[in-house]
Amino acid sequence: MAILRFKALPSEHRLKGISLPDSLVLVKGSLYEAWFNTLVLSPFYQEAVRTNTFINADVKRTCDLFGNLNGISFDRWWMGGGYKIFVEAEPFNKVSVGKERNPFGETVPVLSVDIPIDVSPQLLREQLEALLKQHHPNYKKYDRWKTSTAKAKLRATRLTFESIDLCLKVYKKYLDMQKKDKVLLYKIGEELRLNPRLNVLPTDYKPMAAAKKLKMASTVSEYLEKAKNLVAHATECNFPVITDHPWYEKKRRPPRRFG
């Protein structure tokens, strides 16, 4: 059985590798699944797949990598070959006992050290840390994704699956409302309980209810803006990114009034 390595998995699995069936357990709730879920909701991606027409080369590349996602679950997509775009083409370099030649190949910079094993582990760690600070070119801002050999590379981010998932839930509610009557942002916030303190109560007077609706709508707008940017960037094979995307034009909204 093939041993696979993925950058987004915990370090022990990045180094030793993992089988395909075992990988499915670990990638559930990961940024890999979040990217899949984002593209499923992307109207830009759906349109590109449906028409085979691409806004630019980045969209075409995303479609070529992920394929048609209509009516398919993440599990089925991953096991059916989706994993291939995230698997590392080369194994990760590990710390090893010194040899006469560079074990990583001539193109990989190496810092060779002699470690006296009669010194406490804590002191050794402190000395190694000092050496890395001095010699590692990207010690403070190391971006592990820049060294990825996968076809689809994630971006360095503080976003989590949970935070992305919440943005996507808001976006899905928004899309569903668009298909029906009208979009009421505060209703989305109430249904998803984004801030239960802002849910309107039957006992609230009109001024209080209106103030709550306005604040809840503002909260939903923030999530919605992030979701829209996520969707647009993901369609261009850039994930997870929430910076302003040119496909969306920011408009100043007039103050909302609630009767």
C-alpha atoms as a PDB file:
ATOM      1  CA  MET A   1       0.000   0.000   0.000  1.00  0.00           C
ATOM      2  CA  ALA A   2       1.347   3.399  -0.996  1.00  0.00           C
ATOM      3  CA  ILE A   3       2.532   5.748   1.734  1.00  0.00           C
ATOM      4  CA  LEU A   4       1.350   9.318   1.220  1.00  0.00           C
ATOM      5  CA  ARG A   5       2.485  12.593   2.772  1.00  0.00           C
ATOM      6  CA  PHE A   6       0.399  15.755   3.201  1.00  0.00           C
ATOM      7  CA  LYS A   7       1.597  19.113   4.526  1.00  0.00           C
ATOM      8  CA  ALA A   8      -1.646  19.914   6.360  1.00  0.00           C
ATOM      9  CA  LEU A   9      -1.499  16.826   8.569  1.00  0.00           C
ATOM     10  CA  PRO A  10       0.167  16.698  12.017  1.00  0.00           C
ATOM     11  CA  SER A  11       3.975  16.472  11.978  1.00  0.00           C
ATOM     12  CA  GLU A  12       4.163  12.756  12.779  1.00  0.00           C
ATOM     13  CA  HIS A  13       2.114  11.944   9.689  1.00  0.00           C
ATOM     14  CA  ARG A  14       4.008  14.427   7.532  1.00  0.00           C
ATOM     15  CA  LEU A  15       7.277  12.646   8.262  1.00  0.00           C
ATOM     16  CA  LYS A  16       6.238   8.989   8.349  1.00  0.00           C
ATOM     17  CA  GLY A  17       3.468   9.217   5.773  1.00  0.00           C
ATOM     18  CA  ILE A  18       0.065   7.578   5.865  1.00  0.00           C
ATOM     19  CA  SER A  19      -2.089   5.214   3.817  1.00  0.00           C
ATOM     20  CA  LEU A  20      -4.937   6.539   1.695  1.00  0.00           C
ATOM     21  CA  PRO A  21      -7.749   5.034   3.842  1.00  0.00           C
ATOM     22  CA  ASP A  22      -6.171   6.411   7.035  1.00  0.00           C
ATOM     23  CA  SER A  23      -5.687   9.809   5.426  1.00  0.00           C
ATOM     24  CA  LEU A  24      -9.432  10.231   4.942  1.00  0.00           C
ATOM     25  CA  VAL A  25      -9.967  10.150   8.707  1.00  0.00           C
ATOM     26  CA  LEU A  26      -7.382  12.878   9.298  1.00  0.00           C
ATOM     27  CA  VAL A  27      -8.351  15.214   6.454  1.00  0.00           C
ATOM     28  CA  LYS A  28     -11.979  15.397   7.593  1.00  0.00           C
ATOM     29  CA  GLY A  29     -12.350  18.831   9.132  1.00  0.00           C
ATOM     30  CA  SER A  30      -9.070  20.013   7.600  1.00  0.00           C
ATOM     31  CA  LEU A  31      -8.282  22.888   5.241  1.00  0.00           C
ATOM     32  CA  TYR A  32      -8.359  20.356   2.400  1.00  0.00           C
ATOM     33  CA  GLU A  33     -12.038  19.691   3.051  1.00  0.00           C
ATOM     34  CA  ALA A  34     -12.642  23.418   3.574  1.00  0.00           C
ATOM     35  CA  TRP A  35     -11.278  24.150   0.085  1.00  0.00           C
ATOM     36  CA  PHE A  36     -13.540  21.469  -1.400  1.00  0.00           C
ATOM     37  CA  ASN A  37     -16.579  22.879   0.441  1.00  0.00           C
ATOM     38  CA  THR A  38     -15.756  26.407  -0.706  1.00  0.00           C
ATOM     39  CA  LEU A  39     -15.630  25.393  -4.367  1.00  0.00           C
ATOM     40  CA  VAL A  40     -18.915  23.492  -4.043  1.00  0.00           C
ATOM     41  CA  LEU A  41     -20.561  26.795  -3.062  1.00  0.00           C
ATOM     42  CA  SER A  42     -18.692  28.922  -5.599  1.00  0.00           C
ATOM     43  CA  PRO A  43     -21.001  30.187  -8.364  1.00  0.00           C
ATOM     44  CA  PHE A  44     -17.892  31.106 -10.372  1.00  0.00           C
ATOM     45  CA  TYR A  45     -16.579  27.541 -10.161  1.00  0.00           C
ATOM     46  CA  GLN A  46     -19.948  25.987 -10.956  1.00  0.00           C
ATOM     47  CA  GLU A  47     -20.342  28.244 -14.002  1.00  0.00           C
ATOM     48  CA  ALA A  48     -16.846  27.418 -15.263  1.00  0.00           C
ATOM     49  CA  VAL A  49     -17.436  23.677 -14.946  1.00  0.00           C
ATOM     50  CA  ARG A  50     -20.897  23.896 -16.530  1.00  0.00           C
ATOM     51  CA  THR A  51     -19.875  26.001 -19.531  1.00  0.00           C
ATOM     52  CA  ASN A  52     -16.228  24.930 -19.839  1.00  0.00           C
ATOM     53  CA  THR A  53     -15.472  28.644 -20.105  1.00  0.00           C
ATOM     54  CA  PHE A  54     -12.833  30.152 -17.842  1.00  0.00           C
ATOM     55  CA  ILE A  55     -12.381  33.747 -16.692  1.00  0.00           C
ATOM     56  CA  ASN A  56      -8.623  33.248 -16.598  1.00  0.00           C
ATOM     57  CA  ALA A  57      -5.902  30.587 -16.508  1.00  0.00           C
ATOM     58  CA  ASP A  58      -6.075  30.286 -12.705  1.00  0.00           C
ATOM     59  CA  VAL A  59      -9.746  29.294 -12.834  1.00  0.00           C
ATOM     60  CA  LYS A  60      -8.987  26.709 -15.517  1.00  0.00           C
ATOM     61  CA  ARG A  61      -6.184  25.296 -13.406  1.00  0.00           C
ATOM     62  CA  THR A  62      -8.499  24.972 -10.394  1.00  0.00           C
ATOM     63  CA  CYS A  63     -11.113  23.187 -12.506  1.00  0.00           C
ATOM     64  CA  ASP A  64      -8.491  20.869 -13.987  1.00  0.00           C
ATOM     65  CA  LEU A  65      -7.272  19.970 -10.496  1.00  0.00           C
ATOM     66  CA  PHE A  66     -10.559  19.557  -8.613  1.00  0.00           C
ATOM     67  CA  GLY A  67     -12.853  18.464 -11.432  1.00  0.00           C
ATOM     68  CA  ASN A  68     -16.647  18.440 -11.417  1.00  0.00           C
ATOM     69  CA  LEU A  69     -17.826  18.562  -7.780  1.00  0.00           C
ATOM     70  CA  ASN A  70     -21.568  18.512  -8.460  1.00  0.00           C
ATOM     71  CA  GLY A  71     -23.396  15.876  -6.423  1.00  0.00           C
ATOM     72  CA  ILE A  72     -20.267  14.311  -4.963  1.00  0.00           C
ATOM     73  CA  SER A  73     -19.287  14.099  -1.302  1.00  0.00           C
ATOM     74  CA  PHE A  74     -15.847  15.056  -0.050  1.00  0.00           C
ATOM     75  CA  ASP A  75     -15.175  11.460   1.044  1.00  0.00           C
ATOM     76  CA  ARG A  76     -15.963  10.066  -2.377  1.00  0.00           C
ATOM     77  CA  TRP A  77     -14.004  12.800  -4.138  1.00  0.00           C
ATOM     78  CA  TRP A  78     -10.940  12.304  -1.909  1.00  0.00           C
ATOM     79  CA  MET A  79     -10.870   8.525  -2.252  1.00  0.00           C
ATOM     80  CA  GLY A  80     -11.651   8.727  -5.974  1.00  0.00           C
ATOM     81  CA  GLY A  81      -8.455  10.631  -6.679  1.00  0.00           C
ATOM     82  CA  GLY A  82      -8.923  14.068  -5.139  1.00  0.00           C
ATOM     83  CA  TYR A  83      -6.109  13.346  -2.697  1.00  0.00           C
ATOM     84  CA  LYS A  84      -3.613  13.347  -5.560  1.00  0.00           C
ATOM     85  CA  ILE A  85      -3.601  17.130  -5.885  1.00  0.00           C
ATOM     86  CA  PHE A  86      -2.569  17.559  -2.232  1.00  0.00           C
ATOM     87  CA  VAL A  87      -0.078  14.720  -1.828  1.00  0.00           C
ATOM     88  CA  GLU A  88       3.572  15.775  -1.668  1.00  0.00           C
ATOM     89  CA  ALA A  89       5.605  14.629  -4.661  1.00  0.00           C
ATOM     90  CA  GLU A  90       8.757  14.341  -2.539  1.00  0.00           C
ATOM     91  CA  PRO A  91       9.262  13.121   1.054  1.00  0.00           C
ATOM     92  CA  PHE A  92      10.128  15.629   3.760  1.00  0.00           C
ATOM     93  CA  ASN A  93      13.727  15.987   4.881  1.00  0.00           C
ATOM     94  CA  LYS A  94      14.355  14.722   8.407  1.00  0.00           C
ATOM     95  CA  VAL A  95      17.118  15.342  10.907  1.00  0.00           C
ATOM     96  CA  SER A  96      19.601  12.495  10.547  1.00  0.00           C
ATOM     97  CA  VAL A  97      22.900  11.275  11.931  1.00  0.00           C
ATOM     98  CA  GLY A  98      25.751  12.914  10.006  1.00  0.00           C
ATOM     99  CA  LYS A  99      27.350  11.124   7.077  1.00  0.00           C
ATOM    100  CA  GLU A 100      30.302  11.949   4.872  1.00  0.00           C
ATOM    101  CA  ARG A 101      28.037  13.393   2.186  1.00  0.00           C
ATOM    102  CA  ASN A 102      24.928  15.554   2.278  1.00  0.00           C
ATOM    103  CA  PRO A 103      22.019  13.075   2.679  1.00  0.00           C
ATOM    104  CA  PHE A 104      19.501  15.565   1.281  1.00  0.00           C
ATOM    105  CA  GLY A 105      21.193  16.201  -2.059  1.00  0.00           C
ATOM    106  CA  GLU A 106      23.490  18.952  -3.227  1.00  0.00           C
ATOM    107  CA  THR A 107      20.694  21.507  -3.699  1.00  0.00           C
ATOM    108  CA  VAL A 108      19.494  21.422  -0.073  1.00  0.00           C
ATOM    109  CA  PRO A 109      21.384  23.713   2.358  1.00  0.00           C
ATOM    110  CA  VAL A 110      22.478  21.838   5.482  1.00  0.00           C
ATOM    111  CA  LEU A 111      23.712  22.989   8.872  1.00  0.00           C
ATOM    112  CA  SER A 112      26.026  20.308  10.272  1.00  0.00           C
ATOM    113  CA  VAL A 113      26.434  20.156  14.061  1.00  0.00           C
ATOM    114  CA  ASP A 114      28.165  17.893  16.550  1.00  0.00           C
ATOM    115  CA  ILE A 115      25.944  17.115  19.532  1.00  0.00           C
ATOM    116  CA  PRO A 116      27.611  15.993  22.786  1.00  0.00           C
ATOM    117  CA  ILE A 117      25.239  13.492  24.368  1.00  0.00           C
ATOM    118  CA  ASP A 118      26.543  14.021  27.890  1.00  0.00           C
ATOM    119  CA  VAL A 119      24.703  17.373  28.066  1.00  0.00           C
ATOM    120  CA  SER A 120      21.143  17.760  29.329  1.00  0.00           C
ATOM    121  CA  PRO A 121      18.432  17.667  26.637  1.00  0.00           C
ATOM    122  CA  GLN A 122      17.174  21.073  27.784  1.00  0.00           C
ATOM    123  CA  LEU A 123      20.575  22.690  27.295  1.00  0.00           C
ATOM    124  CA  LEU A 124      20.936  20.991  23.918  1.00  0.00           C
ATOM    125  CA  ARG A 125      17.557  22.362  22.808  1.00  0.00           C
ATOM    126  CA  GLU A 126      18.559  25.869  23.889  1.00  0.00           C
ATOM    127  CA  GLN A 127      21.797  25.675  21.909  1.00  0.00           C
ATOM    128  CA  LEU A 128      20.078  24.270  18.825  1.00  0.00           C
ATOM    129  CA  GLU A 129      17.468  27.016  19.043  1.00  0.00           C
ATOM    130  CA  ALA A 130      20.231  29.624  19.138  1.00  0.00           C
ATOM    131  CA  LEU A 131      21.921  28.040  16.113  1.00  0.00           C
ATOM    132  CA  LEU A 132      18.676  28.012  14.123  1.00  0.00           C
ATOM    133  CA  LYS A 133      18.030  31.661  14.976  1.00  0.00           C
ATOM    134  CA  GLN A 134      21.468  32.517  13.676  1.00  0.00           C
ATOM    135  CA  HIS A 135      21.612  30.345  10.550  1.00  0.00           C
ATOM    136  CA  HIS A 136      18.066  29.564   9.349  1.00  0.00           C
ATOM    137  CA  PRO A 137      17.215  32.165   6.641  1.00  0.00           C
ATOM    138  CA  ASN A 138      13.496  32.112   7.458  1.00  0.00           C
ATOM    139  CA  TYR A 139      13.542  31.365  11.175  1.00  0.00           C
ATOM    140  CA  LYS A 140      10.982  34.001  12.201  1.00  0.00           C
ATOM    141  CA  LYS A 141       8.670  33.785   9.217  1.00  0.00           C
ATOM    142  CA  TYR A 142       8.982  30.274   7.831  1.00  0.00           C
ATOM    143  CA  ASP A 143       6.223  29.463   5.364  1.00  0.00           C
ATOM    144  CA  ARG A 144       6.123  25.689   5.006  1.00  0.00           C
ATOM    145  CA  TRP A 145       3.711  25.928   2.083  1.00  0.00           C
ATOM    146  CA  LYS A 146       6.344  27.579  -0.096  1.00  0.00           C
ATOM    147  CA  THR A 147       8.309  24.336  -0.035  1.00  0.00           C
ATOM    148  CA  SER A 148       5.287  22.172  -0.836  1.00  0.00           C
ATOM    149  CA  THR A 149       5.607  19.893  -3.858  1.00  0.00           C
ATOM    150  CA  ALA A 150       1.848  19.266  -4.110  1.00  0.00           C
ATOM    151  CA  LYS A 151      -0.087  20.350  -7.209  1.00  0.00           C
ATOM    152  CA  ALA A 152      -2.531  22.386  -5.112  1.00  0.00           C
ATOM    153  CA  LYS A 153      -0.797  24.406  -2.404  1.00  0.00           C
ATOM    154  CA  LEU A 154      -2.531  25.899   0.594  1.00  0.00           C
ATOM    155  CA  ARG A 155      -1.552  29.372   1.774  1.00  0.00           C
ATOM    156  CA  ALA A 156      -0.139  30.213   5.188  1.00  0.00           C
ATOM    157  CA  THR A 157      -3.091  31.244   7.321  1.00  0.00           C
ATOM    158  CA  ARG A 158      -4.549  31.549  10.788  1.00  0.00           C
ATOM    159  CA  LEU A 159      -7.944  30.518   9.494  1.00  0.00           C
ATOM    160  CA  THR A 160      -9.261  27.178  10.722  1.00  0.00           C
ATOM    161  CA  PHE A 161     -11.739  24.727   9.280  1.00  0.00           C
ATOM    162  CA  GLU A 162     -14.268  25.873  11.880  1.00  0.00           C
ATOM    163  CA  SER A 163     -13.946  29.581  11.055  1.00  0.00           C
ATOM    164  CA  ILE A 164     -14.163  28.901   7.320  1.00  0.00           C
ATOM    165  CA  ASP A 165     -17.106  26.555   7.819  1.00  0.00           C
ATOM    166  CA  LEU A 166     -19.049  29.251   9.669  1.00  0.00           C
ATOM    167  CA  CYS A 167     -18.414  31.755   6.866  1.00  0.00           C
ATOM    168  CA  LEU A 168     -19.641  29.196   4.332  1.00  0.00           C
ATOM    169  CA  LYS A 169     -22.793  28.516   6.346  1.00  0.00           C
ATOM    170  CA  VAL A 170     -23.575  32.230   6.292  1.00  0.00           C
ATOM    171  CA  TYR A 171     -22.891  32.332   2.547  1.00  0.00           C
ATOM    172  CA  LYS A 172     -25.126  29.325   1.867  1.00  0.00           C
ATOM    173  CA  LYS A 173     -28.005  30.879   3.823  1.00  0.00           C
ATOM    174  CA  TYR A 174     -27.490  34.060   1.833  1.00  0.00           C
ATOM    175  CA  LEU A 175     -27.616  32.194  -1.501  1.00  0.00           C
ATOM    176  CA  ASP A 176     -30.729  30.287  -0.423  1.00  0.00           C
ATOM    177  CA  MET A 177     -32.489  33.541   0.522  1.00  0.00           C
ATOM    178  CA  GLN A 178     -31.579  35.072  -2.836  1.00  0.00           C
ATOM    179  CA  LYS A 179     -33.444  32.253  -4.588  1.00  0.00           C
ATOM    180  CA  LYS A 180     -36.607  32.952  -2.600  1.00  0.00           C
ATOM    181  CA  ASP A 181     -38.147  36.270  -1.684  1.00  0.00           C
ATOM    182  CA  LYS A 182     -35.630  38.720  -0.263  1.00  0.00           C
ATOM    183  CA  VAL A 183     -32.447  38.662   1.769  1.00  0.00           C
ATOM    184  CA  LEU A 184     -32.794  39.590   5.437  1.00  0.00           C
ATOM    185  CA  LEU A 185     -29.289  39.526   6.865  1.00  0.00           C
ATOM    186  CA  TYR A 186     -30.371  39.651  10.496  1.00  0.00           C
ATOM    187  CA  LYS A 187     -32.469  36.498   9.918  1.00  0.00           C
ATOM    188  CA  ILE A 188     -29.342  34.642   8.818  1.00  0.00           C
ATOM    189  CA  GLY A 189     -27.600  35.674  12.031  1.00  0.00           C
ATOM    190  CA  GLU A 190     -30.555  34.582  14.153  1.00  0.00           C
ATOM    191  CA  GLU A 191     -30.852  31.188  12.459  1.00  0.00           C
ATOM    192  CA  LEU A 192     -27.139  30.494  12.834  1.00  0.00           C
ATOM    193  CA  ARG A 193     -27.039  32.034  16.326  1.00  0.00           C
ATOM    194  CA  LEU A 194     -24.011  34.141  15.435  1.00  0.00           C
ATOM    195  CA  ASN A 195     -24.665  36.292  18.491  1.00  0.00           C
ATOM    196  CA  PRO A 196     -27.640  35.046  20.551  1.00  0.00           C
ATOM    197  CA  ARG A 197     -27.729  38.313  22.510  1.00  0.00           C
ATOM    198  CA  LEU A 198     -28.836  40.055  19.306  1.00  0.00           C
ATOM    199  CA  ASN A 199     -31.743  37.719  18.614  1.00  0.00           C
ATOM    200  CA  VAL A 200     -34.994  39.685  18.752  1.00  0.00           C
ATOM    201  CA  LEU A 201     -37.296  38.633  21.586  1.00  0.00           C
ATOM    202  CA  PRO A 202     -41.093  38.915  21.624  1.00  0.00           C
ATOM    203  CA  THR A 203     -40.752  41.209  24.630  1.00  0.00           C
ATOM    204  CA  ASP A 204     -38.430  43.688  22.866  1.00  0.00           C
ATOM    205  CA  TYR A 205     -39.849  47.112  22.121  1.00  0.00           C
ATOM    206  CA  LYS A 206     -39.556  48.375  18.534  1.00  0.00           C
ATOM    207  CA  PRO A 207     -36.460  50.569  19.098  1.00  0.00           C
ATOM    208  CA  MET A 208     -34.628  47.699  20.822  1.00  0.00           C
ATOM    209  CA  ALA A 209     -35.671  45.207  18.135  1.00  0.00           C
ATOM    210  CA  ALA A 210     -34.519  47.569  15.372  1.00  0.00           C
ATOM    211  CA  ALA A 211     -31.152  48.128  17.064  1.00  0.00           C
ATOM    212  CA  LYS A 212     -30.630  44.379  17.453  1.00  0.00           C
ATOM    213  CA  LYS A 213     -31.496  43.720  13.814  1.00  0.00           C
ATOM    214  CA  LEU A 214     -29.071  46.389  12.665  1.00  0.00           C
ATOM    215  CA  LYS A 215     -26.198  45.011  14.757  1.00  0.00           C
ATOM    216  CA  MET A 216     -26.949  41.427  13.706  1.00  0.00           C
ATOM    217  CA  ALA A 217     -27.077  42.455  10.041  1.00  0.00           C
ATOM    218  CA  SER A 218     -23.673  44.106  10.463  1.00  0.00           C
ATOM    219  CA  THR A 219     -22.262  40.913  11.992  1.00  0.00           C
ATOM    220  CA  VAL A 220     -23.623  38.825   9.122  1.00  0.00           C
ATOM    221  CA  SER A 221     -22.166  41.283   6.589  1.00  0.00           C
ATOM    222  CA  GLU A 222     -18.683  40.728   8.022  1.00  0.00           C
ATOM    223  CA  TYR A 223     -18.981  36.948   7.692  1.00  0.00           C
ATOM    224  CA  LEU A 224     -20.485  37.305   4.244  1.00  0.00           C
ATOM    225  CA  GLU A 225     -17.673  39.521   3.008  1.00  0.00           C
ATOM    226  CA  LYS A 226     -15.078  36.997   4.155  1.00  0.00           C
ATOM    227  CA  ALA A 227     -17.033  34.151   2.539  1.00  0.00           C
ATOM    228  CA  LYS A 228     -17.311  35.926  -0.807  1.00  0.00           C
ATOM    229  CA  ASN A 229     -13.589  36.605  -0.875  1.00  0.00           C
ATOM    230  CA  LEU A 230     -12.838  33.014   0.145  1.00  0.00           C
ATOM    231  CA  VAL A 231     -15.008  31.721  -2.691  1.00  0.00           C
ATOM    232  CA  ALA A 232     -13.477  33.992  -5.324  1.00  0.00           C
ATOM    233  CA  HIS A 233      -9.859  33.330  -4.321  1.00  0.00           C
ATOM    234  CA  ALA A 234     -10.486  29.566  -4.002  1.00  0.00           C
ATOM    235  CA  THR A 235     -11.811  29.522  -7.573  1.00  0.00           C
ATOM    236  CA  GLU A 236      -8.476  30.971  -8.661  1.00  0.00           C
ATOM    237  CA  CYS A 237      -6.537  28.227  -6.847  1.00  0.00           C
ATOM    238  CA  ASN A 238      -5.662  30.538  -3.961  1.00  0.00           C
ATOM    239  CA  PHE A 239      -6.833  29.223  -0.592  1.00  0.00           C
ATOM    240  CA  PRO A 240      -7.576  30.171   2.133  1.00  0.00           C
ATOM    241  CA  VAL A 241      -7.487  33.916   1.433  1.00  0.00           C
ATOM    242  CA  ILE A 242      -9.988  36.558   2.604  1.00  0.00           C
ATOM    243  CA  THR A 243      -8.394  39.733   1.265  1.00  0.00           C
ATOM    244  CA  ASP A 244     -10.576  41.858  -1.026  1.00  0.00           C
ATOM    245  CA  HIS A 245     -11.056  40.208  -4.408  1.00  0.00           C
ATOM    246  CA  PRO A 246     -11.604  42.323  -7.555  1.00  0.00           C
ATOM    247  CA  TRP A 247     -14.641  40.244  -8.569  1.00  0.00           C
ATOM    248  CA  TYR A 248     -16.583  41.945  -5.785  1.00  0.00           C
ATOM    249  CA  GLU A 249     -17.234  45.652  -5.766  1.00  0.00           C
ATOM    250  CA  LYS A 250     -17.683  47.206  -2.348  1.00  0.00           C
ATOM    251  CA  LYS A 251     -20.708  49.455  -2.135  1.00  0.00           C
ATOM    252  CA  ARG A 252     -21.738  51.760   0.643  1.00  0.00           C
ATOM    253  CA  ARG A 253     -25.055  50.603   2.013  1.00  0.00           C
ATOM    254  CA  PRO A 254     -27.690  53.056   3.191  1.00  0.00           C
ATOM    255  CA  PRO A 255     -28.742  52.758   6.835  1.00  0.00           C
ATOM    256  CA  ARG A 256     -31.177  49.890   7.309  1.00  0.00           C
ATOM    257  CA  ARG A 257     -34.600  50.581   8.664  1.00  0.00           C
ATOM    258  CA  PHE A 258     -36.745  48.028  10.407  1.00  0.00           C
ATOM    259  CA  GLY A 259     -40.402  48.717  11.070  1.00  0.00           C
END
